[in-house]
Full PDB file with SEQRES, HELIX, SHEET, SSBOND, CRYST1, ORIGX, SCALE, CONECT and MASTER records, all heavy atoms in Angstrom:
SEQRES   1 A   30  THR ALA LEU GLU MET ALA ARG GLY VAL ARG ALA LEU THR          
SEQRES   2 A   30  GLY ALA ASP VAL GLY VAL SER THR THR GLY ILE ALA GLY          
SEQRES   3 A   30  PRO GLY GLY GLY                                              
HELIX    1 AA1 ALA A    2  THR A   13  1                                  12    
CRYST1    1.000    1.000    1.000  90.00  90.00  90.00 P 1           1          
ORIGX1      1.000000  0.000000  0.000000        0.00000                         
ORIGX2      0.000000  1.000000  0.000000        0.00000                         
ORIGX3      0.000000  0.000000  1.000000        0.00000                         
SCALE1      1.000000  0.000000  0.000000        0.00000                         
SCALE2      0.000000  1.000000  0.000000        0.00000                         
SCALE3      0.000000  0.000000  1.000000        0.00000                         
ATOM      1  N   THR A   1       5.868 -32.575  52.513  1.00  0.00           N  
ATOM      2  CA  THR A   1       4.926 -33.596  52.581  1.00  0.00           C  
ATOM      3  C   THR A   1       5.367 -34.955  51.803  1.00  0.00           C  
ATOM      4  O   THR A   1       5.253 -36.013  52.303  1.00  0.00           O  
ATOM      5  CB  THR A   1       3.431 -33.220  51.919  1.00  0.00           C  
ATOM      6  OG1 THR A   1       3.048 -32.154  52.721  1.00  0.00           O  
ATOM      7  CG2 THR A   1       2.549 -34.401  51.994  1.00  0.00           C  
ATOM      8  N   ALA A   2       5.970 -34.726  50.692  1.00  0.00           N  
ATOM      9  CA  ALA A   2       6.573 -35.957  49.958  1.00  0.00           C  
ATOM     10  C   ALA A   2       7.556 -36.635  50.731  1.00  0.00           C  
ATOM     11  O   ALA A   2       7.601 -37.906  50.770  1.00  0.00           O  
ATOM     12  CB  ALA A   2       7.034 -35.344  48.549  1.00  0.00           C  
ATOM     13  N   LEU A   3       8.388 -35.945  51.391  1.00  0.00           N  
ATOM     14  CA  LEU A   3       9.446 -36.558  52.258  1.00  0.00           C  
ATOM     15  C   LEU A   3       8.890 -37.275  53.383  1.00  0.00           C  
ATOM     16  O   LEU A   3       9.248 -38.423  53.734  1.00  0.00           O  
ATOM     17  CB  LEU A   3      10.516 -35.506  52.607  1.00  0.00           C  
ATOM     18  CG  LEU A   3      11.721 -36.029  53.444  1.00  0.00           C  
ATOM     19  CD1 LEU A   3      12.502 -37.170  52.460  1.00  0.00           C  
ATOM     20  CD2 LEU A   3      12.665 -35.035  53.756  1.00  0.00           C  
ATOM     21  N   GLU A   4       7.978 -36.744  54.077  1.00  0.00           N  
ATOM     22  CA  GLU A   4       7.296 -37.341  55.220  1.00  0.00           C  
ATOM     23  C   GLU A   4       6.514 -38.578  54.751  1.00  0.00           C  
ATOM     24  O   GLU A   4       6.501 -39.541  55.495  1.00  0.00           O  
ATOM     25  CB  GLU A   4       6.381 -36.410  56.021  1.00  0.00           C  
ATOM     26  CG  GLU A   4       7.260 -35.354  56.706  1.00  0.00           C  
ATOM     27  CD  GLU A   4       6.233 -34.491  57.589  1.00  0.00           C  
ATOM     28  OE1 GLU A   4       5.224 -35.044  58.070  1.00  0.00           O  
ATOM     29  OE2 GLU A   4       6.718 -33.474  58.128  1.00  0.00           O  
ATOM     30  N   MET A   5       5.895 -38.612  53.588  1.00  0.00           N  
ATOM     31  CA  MET A   5       5.242 -39.693  53.017  1.00  0.00           C  
ATOM     32  C   MET A   5       6.204 -40.950  52.741  1.00  0.00           C  
ATOM     33  O   MET A   5       5.893 -42.124  53.163  1.00  0.00           O  
ATOM     34  CB  MET A   5       4.475 -39.381  51.725  1.00  0.00           C  
ATOM     35  CG  MET A   5       3.246 -38.465  51.988  1.00  0.00           C  
ATOM     36  SD  MET A   5       2.578 -37.972  50.255  1.00  0.00           S  
ATOM     37  CE  MET A   5       2.000 -39.390  49.588  1.00  0.00           C  
ATOM     38  N   ALA A   6       7.408 -40.503  52.242  1.00  0.00           N  
ATOM     39  CA  ALA A   6       8.373 -41.625  51.876  1.00  0.00           C  
ATOM     40  C   ALA A   6       8.905 -42.178  53.113  1.00  0.00           C  
ATOM     41  O   ALA A   6       9.071 -43.390  53.268  1.00  0.00           O  
ATOM     42  CB  ALA A   6       9.410 -40.960  51.005  1.00  0.00           C  
ATOM     43  N   ARG A   7       9.224 -41.336  54.160  1.00  0.00           N  
ATOM     44  CA  ARG A   7       9.653 -41.830  55.384  1.00  0.00           C  
ATOM     45  C   ARG A   7       8.574 -42.729  56.142  1.00  0.00           C  
ATOM     46  O   ARG A   7       8.823 -43.796  56.674  1.00  0.00           O  
ATOM     47  CB  ARG A   7      10.098 -40.737  56.397  1.00  0.00           C  
ATOM     48  CG  ARG A   7      11.336 -39.963  55.945  1.00  0.00           C  
ATOM     49  CD  ARG A   7      11.416 -38.636  56.817  1.00  0.00           C  
ATOM     50  NE  ARG A   7      12.604 -37.916  56.684  1.00  0.00           N  
ATOM     51  CZ  ARG A   7      12.858 -36.696  56.979  1.00  0.00           C  
ATOM     52  NH1 ARG A   7      11.959 -36.034  57.681  1.00  0.00           N  
ATOM     53  NH2 ARG A   7      14.049 -36.110  56.799  1.00  0.00           N  
ATOM     54  N   GLY A   8       7.346 -42.236  55.973  1.00  0.00           N  
ATOM     55  CA  GLY A   8       6.334 -42.831  56.689  1.00  0.00           C  
ATOM     56  C   GLY A   8       6.013 -44.262  56.143  1.00  0.00           C  
ATOM     57  O   GLY A   8       5.723 -45.263  57.014  1.00  0.00           O  
ATOM     58  N   VAL A   9       6.001 -44.459  54.814  1.00  0.00           N  
ATOM     59  CA  VAL A   9       5.807 -45.679  54.328  1.00  0.00           C  
ATOM     60  C   VAL A   9       6.808 -46.712  54.537  1.00  0.00           C  
ATOM     61  O   VAL A   9       6.679 -47.929  54.680  1.00  0.00           O  
ATOM     62  CB  VAL A   9       5.403 -45.654  52.662  1.00  0.00           C  
ATOM     63  CG1 VAL A   9       6.607 -45.553  51.964  1.00  0.00           C  
ATOM     64  CG2 VAL A   9       4.606 -46.870  52.313  1.00  0.00           C  
ATOM     65  N   ARG A  10       8.014 -46.186  54.602  1.00  0.00           N  
ATOM     66  CA  ARG A  10       9.228 -47.084  54.911  1.00  0.00           C  
ATOM     67  C   ARG A  10       9.176 -47.507  56.384  1.00  0.00           C  
ATOM     68  O   ARG A  10       9.309 -48.749  56.677  1.00  0.00           O  
ATOM     69  CB  ARG A  10      10.436 -46.298  54.800  1.00  0.00           C  
ATOM     70  CG  ARG A  10      11.763 -47.112  54.983  1.00  0.00           C  
ATOM     71  CD  ARG A  10      12.951 -46.150  54.788  1.00  0.00           C  
ATOM     72  NE  ARG A  10      14.115 -46.904  55.227  1.00  0.00           N  
ATOM     73  CZ  ARG A  10      15.202 -46.276  55.870  1.00  0.00           C  
ATOM     74  NH1 ARG A  10      15.212 -44.940  56.050  1.00  0.00           N  
ATOM     75  NH2 ARG A  10      16.241 -47.037  56.100  1.00  0.00           N  
ATOM     76  N   ALA A  11       8.651 -46.606  57.307  1.00  0.00           N  
ATOM     77  CA  ALA A  11       8.491 -47.077  58.675  1.00  0.00           C  
ATOM     78  C   ALA A  11       7.196 -48.007  58.847  1.00  0.00           C  
ATOM     79  O   ALA A  11       7.324 -49.012  59.575  1.00  0.00           O  
ATOM     80  CB  ALA A  11       8.204 -45.852  59.513  1.00  0.00           C  
ATOM     81  N   LEU A  12       6.233 -47.757  58.071  1.00  0.00           N  
ATOM     82  CA  LEU A  12       5.077 -48.624  58.121  1.00  0.00           C  
ATOM     83  C   LEU A  12       5.336 -49.982  57.739  1.00  0.00           C  
ATOM     84  O   LEU A  12       4.758 -50.993  58.304  1.00  0.00           O  
ATOM     85  CB  LEU A  12       3.940 -47.986  57.184  1.00  0.00           C  
ATOM     86  CG  LEU A  12       2.591 -48.642  57.137  1.00  0.00           C  
ATOM     87  CD1 LEU A  12       1.849 -48.712  58.498  1.00  0.00           C  
ATOM     88  CD2 LEU A  12       1.758 -48.069  56.108  1.00  0.00           C  
ATOM     89  N   THR A  13       6.003 -50.216  56.569  1.00  0.00           N  
ATOM     90  CA  THR A  13       6.325 -51.472  56.039  1.00  0.00           C  
ATOM     91  C   THR A  13       7.556 -52.146  56.423  1.00  0.00           C  
ATOM     92  O   THR A  13       7.638 -53.503  56.205  1.00  0.00           O  
ATOM     93  CB  THR A  13       6.229 -51.366  54.425  1.00  0.00           C  
ATOM     94  OG1 THR A  13       7.331 -50.534  54.070  1.00  0.00           O  
ATOM     95  CG2 THR A  13       4.868 -50.798  53.969  1.00  0.00           C  
ATOM     96  N   GLY A  14       8.553 -51.400  56.922  1.00  0.00           N  
ATOM     97  CA  GLY A  14       9.874 -51.998  57.113  1.00  0.00           C  
ATOM     98  C   GLY A  14      10.624 -52.265  55.988  1.00  0.00           C  
ATOM     99  O   GLY A  14      11.729 -52.900  55.948  1.00  0.00           O  
ATOM    100  N   ALA A  15      10.282 -51.563  54.801  1.00  0.00           N  
ATOM    101  CA  ALA A  15      11.025 -51.665  53.622  1.00  0.00           C  
ATOM    102  C   ALA A  15      12.470 -50.998  53.600  1.00  0.00           C  
ATOM    103  O   ALA A  15      12.491 -49.972  54.445  1.00  0.00           O  
ATOM    104  CB  ALA A  15      10.177 -51.127  52.371  1.00  0.00           C  
ATOM    105  N   ASP A  16      13.289 -51.397  52.866  1.00  0.00           N  
ATOM    106  CA  ASP A  16      14.554 -50.683  52.808  1.00  0.00           C  
ATOM    107  C   ASP A  16      14.445 -49.281  52.131  1.00  0.00           C  
ATOM    108  O   ASP A  16      15.195 -48.450  52.492  1.00  0.00           O  
ATOM    109  CB  ASP A  16      15.663 -51.512  51.988  1.00  0.00           C  
ATOM    110  CG  ASP A  16      15.955 -52.882  52.600  1.00  0.00           C  
ATOM    111  OD1 ASP A  16      16.400 -52.866  53.792  1.00  0.00           O  
ATOM    112  OD2 ASP A  16      15.606 -53.802  51.991  1.00  0.00           O  
ATOM    113  N   VAL A  17      13.603 -49.195  51.222  1.00  0.00           N  
ATOM    114  CA  VAL A  17      13.427 -48.014  50.445  1.00  0.00           C  
ATOM    115  C   VAL A  17      11.917 -47.522  50.496  1.00  0.00           C  
ATOM    116  O   VAL A  17      11.055 -48.465  50.262  1.00  0.00           O  
ATOM    117  CB  VAL A  17      13.838 -48.076  48.987  1.00  0.00           C  
ATOM    118  CG1 VAL A  17      13.755 -46.818  48.237  1.00  0.00           C  
ATOM    119  CG2 VAL A  17      15.345 -48.544  48.912  1.00  0.00           C  
ATOM    120  N   GLY A  18      11.674 -46.309  50.735  1.00  0.00           N  
ATOM    121  CA  GLY A  18      10.333 -45.764  50.558  1.00  0.00           C  
ATOM    122  C   GLY A  18      10.203 -44.659  49.537  1.00  0.00           C  
ATOM    123  O   GLY A  18      11.182 -43.845  49.548  1.00  0.00           O  
ATOM    124  N   VAL A  19       9.215 -44.730  48.728  1.00  0.00           N  
ATOM    125  CA  VAL A  19       9.187 -43.670  47.723  1.00  0.00           C  
ATOM    126  C   VAL A  19       7.695 -43.057  47.755  1.00  0.00           C  
ATOM    127  O   VAL A  19       6.832 -43.765  48.223  1.00  0.00           O  
ATOM    128  CB  VAL A  19       9.420 -44.154  46.339  1.00  0.00           C  
ATOM    129  CG1 VAL A  19      10.827 -44.441  46.089  1.00  0.00           C  
ATOM    130  CG2 VAL A  19       8.615 -45.395  45.914  1.00  0.00           C  
ATOM    131  N   SER A  20       7.605 -41.807  47.267  1.00  0.00           N  
ATOM    132  CA  SER A  20       6.255 -41.202  47.469  1.00  0.00           C  
ATOM    133  C   SER A  20       5.931 -40.324  46.321  1.00  0.00           C  
ATOM    134  O   SER A  20       6.860 -39.793  45.598  1.00  0.00           O  
ATOM    135  CB  SER A  20       6.187 -40.398  48.653  1.00  0.00           C  
ATOM    136  OG  SER A  20       7.043 -39.258  48.625  1.00  0.00           O  
ATOM    137  N   THR A  21       4.759 -40.042  46.057  1.00  0.00           N  
ATOM    138  CA  THR A  21       4.233 -39.088  44.901  1.00  0.00           C  
ATOM    139  C   THR A  21       3.154 -38.259  45.533  1.00  0.00           C  
ATOM    140  O   THR A  21       2.150 -38.741  46.168  1.00  0.00           O  
ATOM    141  CB  THR A  21       3.723 -39.840  43.712  1.00  0.00           C  
ATOM    142  OG1 THR A  21       2.610 -40.595  43.979  1.00  0.00           O  
ATOM    143  CG2 THR A  21       4.837 -40.764  43.156  1.00  0.00           C  
ATOM    144  N   THR A  22       3.294 -36.940  45.244  1.00  0.00           N  
ATOM    145  CA  THR A  22       2.097 -36.127  45.580  1.00  0.00           C  
ATOM    146  C   THR A  22       2.194 -34.999  44.669  1.00  0.00           C  
ATOM    147  O   THR A  22       3.180 -34.439  44.233  1.00  0.00           O  
ATOM    148  CB  THR A  22       2.239 -35.505  46.955  1.00  0.00           C  
ATOM    149  OG1 THR A  22       1.093 -34.726  47.314  1.00  0.00           O  
ATOM    150  CG2 THR A  22       3.486 -34.807  47.344  1.00  0.00           C  
ATOM    151  N   GLY A  23       0.994 -34.631  44.021  1.00  0.00           N  
ATOM    152  CA  GLY A  23       1.084 -33.514  42.942  1.00  0.00           C  
ATOM    153  C   GLY A  23      -0.368 -33.216  42.392  1.00  0.00           C  
ATOM    154  O   GLY A  23      -1.314 -33.704  42.999  1.00  0.00           O  
ATOM    155  N   ILE A  24      -0.389 -32.354  41.434  1.00  0.00           N  
ATOM    156  CA  ILE A  24      -1.666 -31.868  40.776  1.00  0.00           C  
ATOM    157  C   ILE A  24      -1.767 -32.420  39.421  1.00  0.00           C  
ATOM    158  O   ILE A  24      -1.040 -31.893  38.580  1.00  0.00           O  
ATOM    159  CB  ILE A  24      -1.762 -30.331  40.841  1.00  0.00           C  
ATOM    160  CG1 ILE A  24      -1.501 -29.754  42.262  1.00  0.00           C  
ATOM    161  CG2 ILE A  24      -2.991 -29.931  40.293  1.00  0.00           C  
ATOM    162  CD1 ILE A  24      -1.282 -28.279  42.263  1.00  0.00           C  
ATOM    163  N   ALA A  25      -2.532 -33.488  39.194  1.00  0.00           N  
ATOM    164  CA  ALA A  25      -2.630 -34.138  37.924  1.00  0.00           C  
ATOM    165  C   ALA A  25      -3.570 -33.486  36.961  1.00  0.00           C  
ATOM    166  O   ALA A  25      -3.425 -33.736  35.758  1.00  0.00           O  
ATOM    167  CB  ALA A  25      -3.123 -35.639  38.114  1.00  0.00           C  
ATOM    168  N   GLY A  26      -4.446 -32.631  37.554  1.00  0.00           N  
ATOM    169  CA  GLY A  26      -5.348 -31.876  36.649  1.00  0.00           C  
ATOM    170  C   GLY A  26      -6.564 -32.607  36.196  1.00  0.00           C  
ATOM    171  O   GLY A  26      -6.760 -33.777  36.700  1.00  0.00           O  
ATOM    172  N   PRO A  27      -7.360 -32.053  35.334  1.00  0.00           N  
ATOM    173  CA  PRO A  27      -7.100 -30.745  34.667  1.00  0.00           C  
ATOM    174  C   PRO A  27      -7.357 -29.531  35.537  1.00  0.00           C  
ATOM    175  O   PRO A  27      -6.970 -28.504  35.127  1.00  0.00           O  
ATOM    176  CB  PRO A  27      -8.145 -30.774  33.540  1.00  0.00           C  
ATOM    177  CG  PRO A  27      -9.246 -31.643  33.942  1.00  0.00           C  
ATOM    178  CD  PRO A  27      -8.508 -32.613  34.842  1.00  0.00           C  
ATOM    179  N   GLY A  28      -8.098 -29.743  36.700  1.00  0.00           N  
ATOM    180  CA  GLY A  28      -8.335 -28.587  37.619  1.00  0.00           C  
ATOM    181  C   GLY A  28      -7.360 -28.688  38.749  1.00  0.00           C  
ATOM    182  O   GLY A  28      -6.558 -29.644  38.965  1.00  0.00           O  
ATOM    183  N   GLY A  29      -7.502 -27.787  39.662  1.00  0.00           N  
ATOM    184  CA  GLY A  29      -6.831 -27.857  40.943  1.00  0.00           C  
ATOM    185  C   GLY A  29      -5.441 -26.992  41.014  1.00  0.00           C  
ATOM    186  O   GLY A  29      -4.879 -26.867  42.021  1.00  0.00           O  
ATOM    187  N   GLY A  30      -5.025 -26.431  39.825  1.00  0.00           N  
ATOM    188  CA  GLY A  30      -3.826 -25.791  39.772  1.00  0.00           C  
ATOM    189  C   GLY A  30      -3.877 -24.277  40.217  1.00  0.00           C  
ATOM    190  O   GLY A  30      -5.066 -23.689  40.197  1.00  0.00           O  
TER     191      GLY A  30                                                      
MASTER        0    0    0    1    0    0    0    6  190    1    0    3          
END                                                                             
C-alpha cells in the first residue's frame, strides 16, 4: 500500500518524487 500511495501521489501531482506514510500510530489499533 505504501508503494502504491507514493506512485499515486506522484502521478496525481506530476512531481518528480512521491513519498508516502502508512502505519499504526497508537495507542490502540496494534
